[in-house]
Amino acid sequence: MRPTLTMNYDAGAAIAKRRIVKLSADFTVVQAAAATDAMFGVAAELDAVSGGRVDVHLSGIAEVEAGGTITRGALVTSDATGKAVAAAPAVGVNNRVIGTALVSAVAGDVLPVLLGPHQIQGA
């Protein structure tokens, strides 16, 4: 287990463990669904039901489920189901990023990600 800054939120919908999340209302989160979503954390190690509670890792190193091939050191964003994918915006397109992959992974793997939410633009 890695120490992280973690807060507890209401789940605005079902949230699978180790998925990237975004705020949907004050103190309520849902899974991120696009690279342009304002993602800010990663759901902890337990699934959450809609209306339930979910712990969200906000900083530190969190485990995230991969939705595609990711190379260590790559910036990571969300796919349509909150899984981690490599951020690769087209020229002039903005992507939100949740952090940096610390190891390489393929779809279905769980990888450590150094959390550092920010935005990038394709060049």
Protein backbone atom coordinates (compact mmCIF):
# COMPACT_ATOMS: atom_id res chain seq x y z
CA MET A 1 0.00 0.00 0.00
CA ARG A 2 1.25 3.45 -0.90
CA PRO A 3 0.30 6.47 1.21
CA THR A 4 -1.91 8.97 -0.64
CA LEU A 5 -4.05 11.95 0.17
CA THR A 6 -7.52 10.40 0.10
CA MET A 7 -10.99 11.91 0.56
CA ASN A 8 -14.41 10.27 0.69
CA TYR A 9 -17.16 11.31 -1.75
CA ASP A 10 -20.71 10.37 -2.74
CA ALA A 11 -20.83 8.14 -5.82
CA GLY A 12 -23.10 9.76 -8.42
CA ALA A 13 -23.17 6.45 -10.35
CA ALA A 14 -21.58 3.04 -10.02
CA ILE A 15 -17.77 3.43 -9.92
CA ALA A 16 -15.38 0.54 -10.48
CA LYS A 17 -12.26 0.34 -8.33
CA ARG A 18 -9.08 1.93 -9.67
CA ARG A 19 -10.89 4.15 -12.19
CA ILE A 20 -10.24 7.81 -12.90
CA VAL A 21 -12.99 10.09 -11.54
CA LYS A 22 -14.35 13.59 -11.98
CA LEU A 23 -16.70 15.74 -9.91
CA SER A 24 -20.35 15.68 -11.04
CA ALA A 25 -21.64 17.92 -8.21
CA ASP A 26 -20.31 19.23 -4.92
CA PHE A 27 -18.82 16.25 -3.01
CA THR A 28 -20.10 13.81 -5.68
CA VAL A 29 -17.97 11.92 -8.21
CA VAL A 30 -18.51 9.73 -11.28
CA GLN A 31 -16.07 7.90 -13.54
CA ALA A 32 -14.33 10.12 -16.05
CA ALA A 33 -15.51 9.38 -19.59
CA ALA A 34 -13.24 11.40 -21.90
CA ALA A 35 -9.78 12.92 -22.14
CA THR A 36 -11.42 16.34 -21.89
CA ASP A 37 -13.16 15.65 -18.55
CA ALA A 38 -11.91 17.58 -15.52
CA MET A 39 -10.53 14.45 -13.83
CA PHE A 40 -8.96 14.99 -10.44
CA GLY A 41 -8.44 11.63 -8.72
CA VAL A 42 -8.63 7.84 -8.77
CA ALA A 43 -11.22 5.64 -7.04
CA ALA A 44 -9.67 3.47 -4.35
CA GLU A 45 -9.58 -0.32 -4.17
CA LEU A 46 -13.31 -1.00 -3.68
CA ASP A 47 -16.18 -0.72 -6.17
CA ALA A 48 -18.88 1.82 -5.26
CA VAL A 49 -22.60 1.64 -5.99
CA SER A 50 -24.62 4.64 -7.12
CA GLY A 51 -25.57 6.64 -4.04
CA GLY A 52 -22.87 4.95 -1.97
CA ARG A 53 -19.55 6.30 -0.78
CA VAL A 54 -16.15 6.06 -2.47
CA ASP A 55 -12.63 6.90 -1.36
CA VAL A 56 -10.71 8.91 -3.97
CA HIS A 57 -6.91 9.22 -4.09
CA LEU A 58 -6.07 12.88 -4.81
CA SER A 59 -2.27 12.92 -4.64
CA GLY A 60 0.58 10.48 -4.32
CA ILE A 61 0.88 7.22 -6.25
CA ALA A 62 -2.42 5.47 -7.06
CA GLU A 63 -3.11 2.18 -8.81
CA VAL A 64 -5.18 2.63 -11.99
CA GLU A 65 -6.58 0.03 -14.40
CA ALA A 66 -5.18 0.42 -17.91
CA GLY A 67 -7.52 0.69 -20.89
CA GLY A 68 -4.79 0.36 -23.52
CA THR A 69 -1.05 0.21 -24.05
CA ILE A 70 0.86 2.71 -21.91
CA THR A 71 4.62 3.24 -21.82
CA ARG A 72 6.33 4.13 -18.55
CA GLY A 73 6.78 7.89 -18.28
CA ALA A 74 3.74 8.62 -20.48
CA LEU A 75 1.15 11.14 -19.40
CA VAL A 76 -2.10 9.36 -18.59
CA THR A 77 -5.69 10.41 -19.26
CA SER A 78 -9.10 8.67 -19.19
CA ASP A 79 -10.87 6.55 -21.77
CA ALA A 80 -14.69 6.34 -21.98
CA THR A 81 -14.87 4.06 -18.90
CA GLY A 82 -12.41 5.79 -16.57
CA LYS A 83 -9.50 3.48 -17.43
CA ALA A 84 -6.03 4.90 -17.98
CA VAL A 85 -4.78 5.50 -21.52
CA ALA A 86 -1.80 7.43 -22.86
CA ALA A 87 -2.62 11.09 -23.52
CA ALA A 88 -2.06 11.88 -27.21
CA PRO A 89 -4.02 14.98 -28.19
CA ALA A 90 -4.04 16.10 -31.82
CA VAL A 91 -2.43 19.42 -32.74
CA GLY A 92 -4.25 22.26 -30.98
CA VAL A 93 -6.49 19.89 -28.98
CA ASN A 94 -6.53 20.03 -25.17
CA ASN A 95 -6.48 16.91 -23.00
CA ARG A 96 -6.81 16.67 -19.25
CA VAL A 97 -4.20 14.43 -17.62
CA ILE A 98 -4.39 12.59 -14.29
CA GLY A 99 -0.66 11.89 -13.96
CA THR A 100 2.41 9.98 -15.14
CA ALA A 101 2.65 6.20 -15.63
CA LEU A 102 5.46 4.73 -13.53
CA VAL A 103 5.57 1.40 -15.42
CA SER A 104 4.52 0.16 -18.84
CA ALA A 105 1.14 -1.60 -19.09
CA VAL A 106 -1.40 -3.08 -21.49
CA ALA A 107 -5.21 -3.14 -21.29
CA GLY A 108 -6.40 -4.83 -18.09
CA ASP A 109 -3.16 -4.30 -16.17
CA VAL A 110 -3.13 -2.28 -12.95
CA LEU A 111 -0.32 0.27 -12.96
CA PRO A 112 0.99 2.85 -10.49
CA VAL A 113 0.41 6.43 -11.59
CA LEU A 114 2.02 9.46 -9.97
CA LEU A 115 -0.98 11.75 -9.63
CA GLY A 116 -0.62 15.29 -10.93
CA PRO A 117 -3.80 16.49 -12.64
CA HIS A 118 -3.23 19.13 -15.33
CA GLN A 119 -3.99 19.96 -18.95
CA ILE A 120 -1.86 19.58 -22.07
CA GLN A 121 -2.26 20.66 -25.69
CA GLY A 122 -1.18 18.69 -28.74
CA ALA A 123 1.65 20.23 -30.70
